[in-house]
């Protein structure tokens, strides 16, 4: 029978690795900016710690378990190690995406343009910024929403 400590190492490693891999999906939630800065590091370090615990407990976990459980735990371990390696690869190569030279920077004024609205009427950015609102104040900003349109 495997030692309870090594069995616990394997199961804790399994849980921590899965949680670490799932932390990659936190980006799709509305999280504070301060947390977003640390998420890549959490998504890298937590699965690695989990895999190390998983591998530390694996050998003694196998000591007296049935053959089917050895095969299942080996398959799960290989999948989790592969997902962790893919996560680490993504962490390293995410910085290789080139910056767009033509994209406006935060706070930069956008050049004037004219587009058709949903009714087909031409509207320019200057018109939107100069037309008074209901309280007779001129708008300070314009929110543009781009969508793919119709298929």
Foldseek 3Di string as FASTA:
>chain_A
DFDPVLVVLQVQLLVQLVVLLCLVVCVVPDDDPVVVVCSLVSNQPRNVSSLVSNVSSLVSVPPDDDPVVNVVSVVSSVVSVVSNVVSVVCSVCVVVDDDDPPDDDPPDDDDKDWDADPVRDIDIPVNQQPDADPVRDGDPDDDDDDDPDDD
